Amino acid sequence: MQLRDRQRLEKIKEYCTDILATVRRCGDSFDAFKADRDYQRSISFCILQIGELVNGLTEEYRSATKDYVQWQQIKGMRNVVVHNYGGIDLQVVWDVATIDIPKLSRFCEEQLISEK
């Protein structure tokens, strides 16, 4: 793994950790998420940042790991957050935060450990 990819994976992992901590702190129900615009913005910002970081991963790395992570979908979610915030489906954001982010976090952790 190139240093550039490692650095980005570390930051992606950090944003995943931030999302998971926010869910624990603010409430692990969709109703709590739906009712709190700050909660929504916090999660959405982290998802946006993850998408930005994914865009900076080398093509070699994304290609080598595409069977484990859907990089293109992550980048696509970033675009949804950036360009359509008023029209975002909150259920989709919630599902990303509670289903996809834990998986991405584990993937990053495993990759970073295996590269030490």
N, C-alpha and C. Protein backbone atom coordinates (compact mmCIF):
# COMPACT_ATOMS: atom_id res chain seq x y z
N MET A 1 0.86 -1.18 0.00
CA MET A 1 0.00 0.00 0.00
C MET A 1 0.90 1.24 0.00
N GLN A 2 0.56 2.17 -0.87
CA GLN A 2 1.31 3.41 -0.92
C GLN A 2 1.01 4.27 0.31
N LEU A 3 1.97 5.09 0.68
CA LEU A 3 1.80 5.98 1.83
C LEU A 3 0.55 6.85 1.67
N ARG A 4 0.32 7.33 0.48
CA ARG A 4 -0.85 8.17 0.20
C ARG A 4 -2.15 7.44 0.55
N ASP A 5 -2.23 6.17 0.16
CA ASP A 5 -3.43 5.38 0.46
C ASP A 5 -3.55 5.13 1.96
N ARG A 6 -2.46 4.82 2.59
CA ARG A 6 -2.47 4.59 4.03
C ARG A 6 -2.97 5.83 4.78
N GLN A 7 -2.46 6.98 4.41
CA GLN A 7 -2.88 8.22 5.07
C GLN A 7 -4.37 8.46 4.88
N ARG A 8 -4.86 8.22 3.70
CA ARG A 8 -6.29 8.42 3.44
C ARG A 8 -7.14 7.41 4.20
N LEU A 9 -6.68 6.16 4.26
CA LEU A 9 -7.42 5.15 5.02
C LEU A 9 -7.47 5.51 6.50
N GLU A 10 -6.39 6.05 7.02
CA GLU A 10 -6.39 6.48 8.42
C GLU A 10 -7.44 7.56 8.65
N LYS A 11 -7.54 8.53 7.74
CA LYS A 11 -8.54 9.59 7.87
C LYS A 11 -9.96 9.05 7.67
N ILE A 12 -10.14 8.14 6.73
CA ILE A 12 -11.45 7.52 6.53
C ILE A 12 -11.87 6.81 7.80
N LYS A 13 -10.95 6.06 8.39
CA LYS A 13 -11.23 5.35 9.64
C LYS A 13 -11.61 6.35 10.73
N GLU A 14 -10.94 7.47 10.78
CA GLU A 14 -11.23 8.50 11.78
C GLU A 14 -12.66 9.04 11.60
N TYR A 15 -13.05 9.31 10.38
CA TYR A 15 -14.42 9.78 10.13
C TYR A 15 -15.45 8.70 10.45
N CYS A 16 -15.13 7.45 10.15
CA CYS A 16 -16.02 6.35 10.53
C CYS A 16 -16.20 6.33 12.05
N THR A 17 -15.11 6.46 12.77
CA THR A 17 -15.16 6.49 14.23
C THR A 17 -16.01 7.66 14.72
N ASP A 18 -15.87 8.81 14.07
CA ASP A 18 -16.69 9.97 14.43
C ASP A 18 -18.18 9.69 14.22
N ILE A 19 -18.52 9.06 13.12
CA ILE A 19 -19.92 8.73 12.84
C ILE A 19 -20.45 7.78 13.90
N LEU A 20 -19.71 6.74 14.19
CA LEU A 20 -20.16 5.74 15.17
C LEU A 20 -20.31 6.36 16.56
N ALA A 21 -19.40 7.25 16.92
CA ALA A 21 -19.49 7.93 18.21
C ALA A 21 -20.70 8.87 18.26
N THR A 22 -20.97 9.53 17.16
CA THR A 22 -22.13 10.43 17.10
C THR A 22 -23.42 9.64 17.23
N VAL A 23 -23.49 8.50 16.59
CA VAL A 23 -24.69 7.65 16.70
C VAL A 23 -24.88 7.21 18.16
N ARG A 24 -23.79 6.82 18.81
CA ARG A 24 -23.89 6.42 20.22
C ARG A 24 -24.34 7.59 21.11
N ARG A 25 -23.79 8.75 20.85
CA ARG A 25 -24.07 9.92 21.68
C ARG A 25 -25.47 10.49 21.43
N CYS A 26 -25.89 10.54 20.19
CA CYS A 26 -27.15 11.23 19.85
C CYS A 26 -28.36 10.31 19.80
N GLY A 27 -28.11 9.02 19.75
CA GLY A 27 -29.23 8.08 19.72
C GLY A 27 -29.13 7.15 18.53
N ASP A 28 -29.36 5.89 18.80
CA ASP A 28 -29.20 4.90 17.74
C ASP A 28 -30.53 4.50 17.12
N SER A 29 -31.41 5.48 16.98
CA SER A 29 -32.68 5.22 16.29
C SER A 29 -32.86 6.22 15.16
N PHE A 30 -33.52 5.77 14.13
CA PHE A 30 -33.80 6.65 13.00
C PHE A 30 -34.64 7.84 13.44
N ASP A 31 -35.55 7.62 14.37
CA ASP A 31 -36.39 8.73 14.83
C ASP A 31 -35.56 9.84 15.46
N ALA A 32 -34.56 9.47 16.27
CA ALA A 32 -33.68 10.48 16.86
C ALA A 32 -32.91 11.22 15.78
N PHE A 33 -32.44 10.49 14.80
CA PHE A 33 -31.70 11.09 13.68
C PHE A 33 -32.60 12.03 12.88
N LYS A 34 -33.79 11.57 12.57
CA LYS A 34 -34.73 12.35 11.76
C LYS A 34 -35.15 13.65 12.46
N ALA A 35 -35.17 13.64 13.77
CA ALA A 35 -35.66 14.78 14.54
C ALA A 35 -34.60 15.85 14.81
N ASP A 36 -33.34 15.57 14.52
CA ASP A 36 -32.25 16.46 14.93
C ASP A 36 -31.40 16.86 13.72
N ARG A 37 -31.58 18.09 13.27
CA ARG A 37 -30.85 18.56 12.08
C ARG A 37 -29.34 18.61 12.31
N ASP A 38 -28.92 18.93 13.53
CA ASP A 38 -27.48 18.93 13.81
C ASP A 38 -26.90 17.52 13.70
N TYR A 39 -27.64 16.55 14.17
CA TYR A 39 -27.25 15.14 14.06
C TYR A 39 -27.12 14.79 12.58
N GLN A 40 -28.10 15.15 11.79
CA GLN A 40 -28.08 14.88 10.35
C GLN A 40 -26.87 15.52 9.68
N ARG A 41 -26.61 16.77 10.04
CA ARG A 41 -25.49 17.50 9.43
C ARG A 41 -24.14 16.89 9.83
N SER A 42 -24.03 16.49 11.08
CA SER A 42 -22.79 15.89 11.55
C SER A 42 -22.47 14.62 10.78
N ILE A 43 -23.45 13.76 10.66
CA ILE A 43 -23.26 12.50 9.93
C ILE A 43 -23.00 12.77 8.45
N SER A 44 -23.78 13.67 7.87
CA SER A 44 -23.63 13.98 6.45
C SER A 44 -22.26 14.56 6.14
N PHE A 45 -21.76 15.43 7.02
CA PHE A 45 -20.44 16.01 6.81
C PHE A 45 -19.36 14.91 6.79
N CYS A 46 -19.45 14.00 7.73
CA CYS A 46 -18.45 12.91 7.77
C CYS A 46 -18.53 12.04 6.52
N ILE A 47 -19.74 11.76 6.06
CA ILE A 47 -19.91 10.98 4.83
C ILE A 47 -19.31 11.73 3.64
N LEU A 48 -19.53 13.03 3.59
CA LEU A 48 -18.96 13.86 2.54
C LEU A 48 -17.43 13.77 2.57
N GLN A 49 -16.85 13.90 3.75
CA GLN A 49 -15.40 13.85 3.89
C GLN A 49 -14.84 12.49 3.48
N ILE A 50 -15.53 11.44 3.85
CA ILE A 50 -15.10 10.09 3.44
C ILE A 50 -15.08 10.00 1.92
N GLY A 51 -16.12 10.53 1.27
CA GLY A 51 -16.17 10.52 -0.19
C GLY A 51 -15.03 11.28 -0.81
N GLU A 52 -14.67 12.41 -0.22
CA GLU A 52 -13.53 13.19 -0.71
C GLU A 52 -12.24 12.39 -0.59
N LEU A 53 -12.07 11.74 0.54
CA LEU A 53 -10.85 10.95 0.76
C LEU A 53 -10.78 9.76 -0.18
N VAL A 54 -11.90 9.11 -0.41
CA VAL A 54 -11.94 7.97 -1.34
C VAL A 54 -11.50 8.41 -2.72
N ASN A 55 -11.92 9.60 -3.12
CA ASN A 55 -11.54 10.12 -4.43
C ASN A 55 -10.03 10.27 -4.56
N GLY A 56 -9.33 10.43 -3.44
CA GLY A 56 -7.88 10.59 -3.46
C GLY A 56 -7.09 9.30 -3.36
N LEU A 57 -7.79 8.18 -3.15
CA LEU A 57 -7.08 6.89 -3.13
C LEU A 57 -6.56 6.59 -4.53
N THR A 58 -5.43 5.92 -4.61
CA THR A 58 -4.89 5.59 -5.92
C THR A 58 -5.82 4.60 -6.64
N GLU A 59 -5.80 4.70 -7.94
CA GLU A 59 -6.61 3.78 -8.75
C GLU A 59 -6.18 2.34 -8.52
N GLU A 60 -4.89 2.12 -8.31
CA GLU A 60 -4.39 0.77 -8.06
C GLU A 60 -5.01 0.19 -6.78
N TYR A 61 -5.06 1.01 -5.75
CA TYR A 61 -5.60 0.53 -4.48
C TYR A 61 -7.10 0.26 -4.60
N ARG A 62 -7.82 1.19 -5.20
CA ARG A 62 -9.27 0.99 -5.35
C ARG A 62 -9.56 -0.25 -6.19
N SER A 63 -8.79 -0.44 -7.23
CA SER A 63 -8.98 -1.61 -8.09
C SER A 63 -8.68 -2.91 -7.34
N ALA A 64 -7.62 -2.90 -6.54
CA ALA A 64 -7.21 -4.10 -5.81
C ALA A 64 -8.20 -4.47 -4.70
N THR A 65 -8.98 -3.51 -4.22
CA THR A 65 -9.87 -3.76 -3.09
C THR A 65 -11.35 -3.63 -3.44
N LYS A 66 -11.65 -3.52 -4.72
CA LYS A 66 -13.03 -3.27 -5.13
C LYS A 66 -13.98 -4.42 -4.79
N ASP A 67 -13.46 -5.61 -4.55
CA ASP A 67 -14.32 -6.73 -4.16
C ASP A 67 -14.77 -6.61 -2.70
N TYR A 68 -14.13 -5.74 -1.95
CA TYR A 68 -14.41 -5.59 -0.52
C TYR A 68 -15.16 -4.29 -0.20
N VAL A 69 -14.92 -3.26 -1.00
CA VAL A 69 -15.53 -1.96 -0.74
C VAL A 69 -16.04 -1.40 -2.07
N GLN A 70 -17.23 -0.87 -2.04
CA GLN A 70 -17.82 -0.27 -3.24
C GLN A 70 -17.42 1.20 -3.29
N TRP A 71 -16.21 1.45 -3.75
CA TRP A 71 -15.65 2.79 -3.75
C TRP A 71 -16.50 3.76 -4.56
N GLN A 72 -16.99 3.32 -5.70
CA GLN A 72 -17.77 4.20 -6.56
C GLN A 72 -19.05 4.66 -5.88
N GLN A 73 -19.68 3.77 -5.13
CA GLN A 73 -20.91 4.14 -4.41
C GLN A 73 -20.61 5.14 -3.29
N ILE A 74 -19.46 5.00 -2.67
CA ILE A 74 -19.07 5.95 -1.62
C ILE A 74 -18.88 7.33 -2.23
N LYS A 75 -18.20 7.38 -3.36
CA LYS A 75 -18.02 8.66 -4.05
C LYS A 75 -19.37 9.21 -4.49
N GLY A 76 -20.26 8.35 -4.94
CA GLY A 76 -21.59 8.78 -5.35
C GLY A 76 -22.39 9.36 -4.19
N MET A 77 -22.27 8.76 -3.03
CA MET A 77 -22.97 9.27 -1.85
C MET A 77 -22.44 10.65 -1.48
N ARG A 78 -21.16 10.86 -1.63
CA ARG A 78 -20.57 12.18 -1.39
C ARG A 78 -21.23 13.19 -2.30
N ASN A 79 -21.42 12.84 -3.55
CA ASN A 79 -22.03 13.77 -4.50
C ASN A 79 -23.48 14.08 -4.14
N VAL A 80 -24.19 13.10 -3.65
CA VAL A 80 -25.57 13.32 -3.22
C VAL A 80 -25.60 14.32 -2.06
N VAL A 81 -24.70 14.13 -1.10
CA VAL A 81 -24.65 15.02 0.06
C VAL A 81 -24.30 16.45 -0.38
N VAL A 82 -23.34 16.59 -1.25
CA VAL A 82 -22.88 17.91 -1.66
C VAL A 82 -23.91 18.63 -2.52
N HIS A 83 -24.50 17.94 -3.46
CA HIS A 83 -25.30 18.61 -4.48
C HIS A 83 -26.81 18.57 -4.24
N ASN A 84 -27.24 17.82 -3.24
CA ASN A 84 -28.69 17.67 -3.08
C ASN A 84 -29.08 17.59 -1.61
N TYR A 85 -28.44 18.39 -0.77
CA TYR A 85 -28.68 18.24 0.66
C TYR A 85 -30.15 18.39 1.02
N GLY A 86 -30.83 19.37 0.47
CA GLY A 86 -32.24 19.57 0.80
C GLY A 86 -33.12 18.40 0.40
N GLY A 87 -32.66 17.62 -0.56
CA GLY A 87 -33.46 16.50 -1.05
C GLY A 87 -32.94 15.14 -0.66
N ILE A 88 -32.02 15.09 0.27
CA ILE A 88 -31.45 13.81 0.67
C ILE A 88 -32.50 12.95 1.37
N ASP A 89 -32.51 11.70 1.03
CA ASP A 89 -33.37 10.73 1.71
C ASP A 89 -32.68 10.37 3.03
N LEU A 90 -33.23 10.85 4.14
CA LEU A 90 -32.61 10.64 5.44
C LEU A 90 -32.48 9.17 5.79
N GLN A 91 -33.39 8.35 5.31
CA GLN A 91 -33.29 6.91 5.57
C GLN A 91 -32.03 6.34 4.92
N VAL A 92 -31.70 6.81 3.74
CA VAL A 92 -30.48 6.36 3.05
C VAL A 92 -29.25 6.77 3.86
N VAL A 93 -29.21 8.02 4.30
CA VAL A 93 -28.07 8.49 5.10
C VAL A 93 -27.96 7.67 6.39
N TRP A 94 -29.09 7.42 7.02
CA TRP A 94 -29.10 6.62 8.25
C TRP A 94 -28.57 5.21 7.99
N ASP A 95 -29.02 4.61 6.91
CA ASP A 95 -28.56 3.26 6.57
C ASP A 95 -27.06 3.24 6.30
N VAL A 96 -26.57 4.25 5.62
CA VAL A 96 -25.12 4.35 5.38
C VAL A 96 -24.39 4.43 6.72
N ALA A 97 -24.90 5.29 7.61
CA ALA A 97 -24.23 5.50 8.90
C ALA A 97 -24.25 4.27 9.78
N THR A 98 -25.34 3.51 9.75
CA THR A 98 -25.48 2.41 10.70
C THR A 98 -25.19 1.03 10.12
N ILE A 99 -25.19 0.92 8.80
CA ILE A 99 -24.92 -0.38 8.17
C ILE A 99 -23.57 -0.37 7.45
N ASP A 100 -23.37 0.62 6.59
CA ASP A 100 -22.17 0.65 5.75
C ASP A 100 -20.93 1.15 6.48
N ILE A 101 -21.09 2.15 7.32
CA ILE A 101 -19.92 2.74 7.99
C ILE A 101 -19.24 1.74 8.93
N PRO A 102 -19.97 0.95 9.72
CA PRO A 102 -19.26 -0.05 10.54
C PRO A 102 -18.43 -1.03 9.69
N LYS A 103 -18.96 -1.42 8.54
CA LYS A 103 -18.22 -2.32 7.65
C LYS A 103 -16.98 -1.63 7.09
N LEU A 104 -17.13 -0.38 6.67
CA LEU A 104 -16.00 0.37 6.13
C LEU A 104 -14.94 0.58 7.21
N SER A 105 -15.38 0.85 8.41
CA SER A 105 -14.45 1.02 9.53
C SER A 105 -13.63 -0.24 9.77
N ARG A 106 -14.30 -1.38 9.79
CA ARG A 106 -13.59 -2.67 9.98
C ARG A 106 -12.61 -2.92 8.84
N PHE A 107 -13.03 -2.64 7.61
CA PHE A 107 -12.15 -2.83 6.46
C PHE A 107 -10.89 -1.98 6.61
N CYS A 108 -11.06 -0.71 6.94
CA CYS A 108 -9.91 0.18 7.09
C CYS A 108 -8.98 -0.32 8.20
N GLU A 109 -9.57 -0.72 9.30
CA GLU A 109 -8.77 -1.21 10.42
C GLU A 109 -7.96 -2.44 10.01
N GLU A 110 -8.58 -3.37 9.33
CA GLU A 110 -7.89 -4.58 8.88
C GLU A 110 -6.79 -4.24 7.90
N GLN A 111 -7.04 -3.32 6.99
CA GLN A 111 -6.02 -2.91 6.01
C GLN A 111 -4.84 -2.24 6.71
N LEU A 112 -5.13 -1.37 7.65
CA LEU A 112 -4.07 -0.64 8.33
C LEU A 112 -3.24 -1.57 9.21
N ILE A 113 -3.87 -2.54 9.86
CA ILE A 113 -3.15 -3.50 10.68
C ILE A 113 -2.27 -4.39 9.82
N SER A 114 -2.79 -4.84 8.70
CA SER A 114 -2.04 -5.77 7.84
C SER A 114 -0.85 -5.10 7.18
N GLU A 115 -0.83 -3.78 7.13
CA GLU A 115 0.25 -3.05 6.49
C GLU A 115 1.34 -2.60 7.46
N LYS A 116 1.19 -2.93 8.74
CA LYS A 116 2.21 -2.52 9.72
C LYS A 116 3.42 -3.39 9.63
